[in-house]
């Protein structure tokens, strides 16, 4: 049996001004609180895991596919 941990979607941000929440369109603007470049990801203070390929894992478990750049 597997267990799945879901992080809260709202985190209390102590930054001034407060960082965007995981639900905000500009959620990637939140401050980085843990960086693991050797593994290709970082954790933002709003609970979003941001991957080097621009994909995201939201605190509620939803996945945001990488954004392909054109041009």
N, C-alpha and C. Protein backbone atom coordinates (compact mmCIF):
# COMPACT_ATOMS: atom_id res chain seq x y z
N UNK A 1 0.84 -1.17 0.00
CA UNK A 1 0.00 0.00 0.00
C UNK A 1 0.90 1.24 0.00
N UNK A 2 0.62 2.17 -0.89
CA UNK A 2 1.43 3.37 -0.95
C UNK A 2 0.72 4.51 -0.22
N UNK A 3 1.53 5.36 0.38
CA UNK A 3 0.99 6.54 1.05
C UNK A 3 1.38 7.76 0.24
N UNK A 4 0.47 8.68 0.13
CA UNK A 4 0.74 9.90 -0.61
C UNK A 4 0.59 11.08 0.34
N UNK A 5 1.59 11.90 0.40
CA UNK A 5 1.56 13.09 1.23
C UNK A 5 1.18 14.28 0.37
N UNK A 6 0.17 14.99 0.80
CA UNK A 6 -0.25 16.20 0.09
C UNK A 6 0.04 17.38 1.01
N UNK A 7 0.80 18.32 0.49
CA UNK A 7 1.13 19.51 1.26
C UNK A 7 -0.03 20.48 1.22
N UNK A 8 -0.17 21.32 2.23
CA UNK A 8 -1.25 22.31 2.20
C UNK A 8 -1.08 23.27 1.02
N UNK A 9 -2.20 23.71 0.46
CA UNK A 9 -2.12 24.60 -0.70
C UNK A 9 -1.80 26.03 -0.27
N UNK A 10 -2.12 26.40 0.93
CA UNK A 10 -1.82 27.74 1.42
C UNK A 10 -0.71 27.66 2.45
N UNK A 11 0.36 28.36 2.22
CA UNK A 11 1.46 28.40 3.17
C UNK A 11 1.57 29.83 3.68
N UNK A 12 1.96 29.94 4.92
CA UNK A 12 2.17 31.27 5.46
C UNK A 12 3.55 31.74 5.04
N UNK A 13 3.56 32.80 4.29
CA UNK A 13 4.82 33.35 3.79
C UNK A 13 5.19 34.54 4.65
N UNK A 14 6.41 34.54 5.18
CA UNK A 14 6.87 35.63 6.01
C UNK A 14 7.58 36.72 5.24
N UNK A 15 7.63 36.60 3.92
CA UNK A 15 8.33 37.60 3.11
C UNK A 15 7.48 38.85 2.95
N UNK A 16 8.15 39.98 2.78
CA UNK A 16 7.46 41.25 2.56
C UNK A 16 7.90 41.82 1.23
N UNK A 17 6.99 42.01 0.29
CA UNK A 17 5.58 41.64 0.33
C UNK A 17 5.42 40.13 0.26
N UNK A 18 4.26 39.60 0.67
CA UNK A 18 4.05 38.15 0.65
C UNK A 18 4.19 37.59 -0.77
N UNK A 19 4.73 36.41 -0.86
CA UNK A 19 4.88 35.74 -2.15
C UNK A 19 3.52 35.26 -2.66
N UNK A 20 3.39 35.08 -3.97
CA UNK A 20 2.13 34.56 -4.51
C UNK A 20 1.89 33.14 -4.00
N UNK A 21 0.62 32.78 -3.86
CA UNK A 21 0.27 31.43 -3.44
C UNK A 21 0.44 30.46 -4.61
N UNK A 22 0.31 29.19 -4.33
CA UNK A 22 0.44 28.16 -5.37
C UNK A 22 -0.69 28.26 -6.39
N UNK A 23 -1.80 28.91 -6.04
CA UNK A 23 -2.93 29.04 -6.96
C UNK A 23 -2.80 30.27 -7.86
N UNK A 24 -1.94 31.21 -7.51
CA UNK A 24 -1.79 32.43 -8.29
C UNK A 24 -1.10 32.16 -9.63
N UNK A 25 -1.48 32.90 -10.68
CA UNK A 25 -0.86 32.70 -11.99
C UNK A 25 0.65 32.95 -11.99
N UNK A 26 1.11 33.82 -11.10
CA UNK A 26 2.54 34.13 -11.03
C UNK A 26 3.24 33.37 -9.90
N UNK A 27 2.77 32.15 -9.61
CA UNK A 27 3.30 31.35 -8.49
C UNK A 27 4.81 31.13 -8.55
N UNK A 28 5.40 31.16 -9.77
CA UNK A 28 6.85 30.94 -9.92
C UNK A 28 7.66 32.11 -9.37
N UNK A 29 7.00 33.23 -9.06
CA UNK A 29 7.69 34.40 -8.52
C UNK A 29 7.96 34.27 -7.02
N UNK A 30 7.45 33.23 -6.37
CA UNK A 30 7.72 33.01 -4.95
C UNK A 30 9.21 32.75 -4.75
N UNK A 31 9.68 33.02 -3.55
CA UNK A 31 11.10 32.85 -3.26
C UNK A 31 11.50 31.39 -3.10
N UNK A 32 12.69 31.10 -3.54
CA UNK A 32 13.26 29.76 -3.45
C UNK A 32 13.70 29.49 -2.02
N UNK A 33 13.24 28.39 -1.42
CA UNK A 33 13.63 28.06 -0.05
C UNK A 33 14.53 26.83 0.03
N UNK A 34 14.55 26.03 -1.03
CA UNK A 34 15.45 24.86 -1.09
C UNK A 34 15.82 24.65 -2.54
N UNK A 35 17.12 24.50 -2.78
CA UNK A 35 17.61 24.34 -4.15
C UNK A 35 18.38 23.04 -4.27
N UNK A 36 18.05 22.28 -5.29
CA UNK A 36 18.75 21.02 -5.59
C UNK A 36 19.07 20.97 -7.08
N UNK A 37 19.98 21.86 -7.54
CA UNK A 37 20.28 21.91 -8.98
C UNK A 37 20.88 20.62 -9.50
N UNK A 38 21.56 19.88 -8.65
CA UNK A 38 22.13 18.60 -9.08
C UNK A 38 21.05 17.58 -9.41
N UNK A 39 19.85 17.78 -8.85
CA UNK A 39 18.72 16.91 -9.13
C UNK A 39 17.70 17.56 -10.04
N UNK A 40 17.89 18.84 -10.34
CA UNK A 40 17.03 19.52 -11.29
C UNK A 40 15.75 20.10 -10.74
N UNK A 41 15.71 20.43 -9.44
CA UNK A 41 14.49 21.00 -8.89
C UNK A 41 14.78 21.93 -7.73
N UNK A 42 13.77 22.73 -7.40
CA UNK A 42 13.84 23.62 -6.26
C UNK A 42 12.46 23.76 -5.64
N UNK A 43 12.42 24.11 -4.36
CA UNK A 43 11.17 24.29 -3.64
C UNK A 43 10.96 25.77 -3.37
N UNK A 44 9.78 26.26 -3.75
CA UNK A 44 9.43 27.65 -3.50
C UNK A 44 8.68 27.76 -2.18
N UNK A 45 8.66 28.96 -1.59
CA UNK A 45 8.05 29.12 -0.28
C UNK A 45 6.54 28.89 -0.28
N UNK A 46 5.91 28.86 -1.43
CA UNK A 46 4.48 28.58 -1.52
C UNK A 46 4.19 27.09 -1.68
N UNK A 47 5.22 26.26 -1.58
CA UNK A 47 5.04 24.81 -1.64
C UNK A 47 5.15 24.22 -3.03
N UNK A 48 5.39 25.03 -4.03
CA UNK A 48 5.53 24.55 -5.41
C UNK A 48 6.93 24.00 -5.63
N UNK A 49 7.01 22.81 -6.21
CA UNK A 49 8.30 22.26 -6.63
C UNK A 49 8.46 22.63 -8.09
N UNK A 50 9.53 23.37 -8.38
CA UNK A 50 9.79 23.86 -9.73
C UNK A 50 10.96 23.07 -10.31
N UNK A 51 10.74 22.47 -11.49
CA UNK A 51 11.76 21.66 -12.14
C UNK A 51 12.50 22.46 -13.20
N UNK A 52 13.74 22.06 -13.47
CA UNK A 52 14.57 22.76 -14.46
C UNK A 52 13.93 22.80 -15.85
N UNK A 53 13.10 21.82 -16.19
CA UNK A 53 12.47 21.80 -17.51
C UNK A 53 11.22 22.67 -17.56
N UNK A 54 10.97 23.46 -16.51
CA UNK A 54 9.84 24.37 -16.31
C UNK A 54 8.56 23.67 -15.89
N UNK A 55 8.59 22.37 -15.66
CA UNK A 55 7.44 21.68 -15.11
C UNK A 55 7.31 22.02 -13.63
N UNK A 56 6.12 21.78 -13.08
CA UNK A 56 5.86 22.09 -11.68
C UNK A 56 5.05 20.99 -11.03
N UNK A 57 5.25 20.83 -9.74
CA UNK A 57 4.41 19.97 -8.91
C UNK A 57 3.81 20.88 -7.86
N UNK A 58 2.47 20.99 -7.87
CA UNK A 58 1.78 21.87 -6.94
C UNK A 58 1.56 21.16 -5.61
N UNK A 59 1.37 21.91 -4.54
CA UNK A 59 1.23 21.30 -3.21
C UNK A 59 0.08 20.32 -3.10
N UNK A 60 -0.96 20.48 -3.91
CA UNK A 60 -2.10 19.56 -3.82
C UNK A 60 -1.91 18.30 -4.68
N UNK A 61 -0.72 18.17 -5.30
CA UNK A 61 -0.42 16.97 -6.08
C UNK A 61 -0.62 17.13 -7.58
N UNK A 62 -1.20 18.24 -8.01
CA UNK A 62 -1.38 18.46 -9.45
C UNK A 62 -0.04 18.71 -10.11
N UNK A 63 0.04 18.31 -11.38
CA UNK A 63 1.26 18.48 -12.17
C UNK A 63 0.99 19.52 -13.24
N UNK A 64 1.96 20.44 -13.40
CA UNK A 64 1.90 21.41 -14.48
C UNK A 64 2.99 21.00 -15.47
N UNK A 65 2.58 20.71 -16.70
CA UNK A 65 3.52 20.24 -17.71
C UNK A 65 4.54 21.34 -18.04
N UNK A 66 5.74 20.93 -18.47
CA UNK A 66 6.73 21.92 -18.88
C UNK A 66 6.19 22.80 -20.00
N UNK A 67 6.56 24.06 -19.94
CA UNK A 67 6.16 25.03 -20.96
C UNK A 67 7.23 25.08 -22.04
N UNK A 68 6.86 24.72 -23.24
CA UNK A 68 7.80 24.73 -24.35
C UNK A 68 7.93 26.14 -24.89
N UNK A 69 9.14 26.58 -25.05
CA UNK A 69 9.37 27.92 -25.59
C UNK A 69 9.41 27.86 -27.11
N UNK A 70 8.79 28.87 -27.73
CA UNK A 70 8.80 28.94 -29.19
C UNK A 70 9.74 30.05 -29.62
N UNK A 71 10.29 29.88 -30.79
CA UNK A 71 11.12 30.94 -31.32
C UNK A 71 12.51 30.57 -31.32
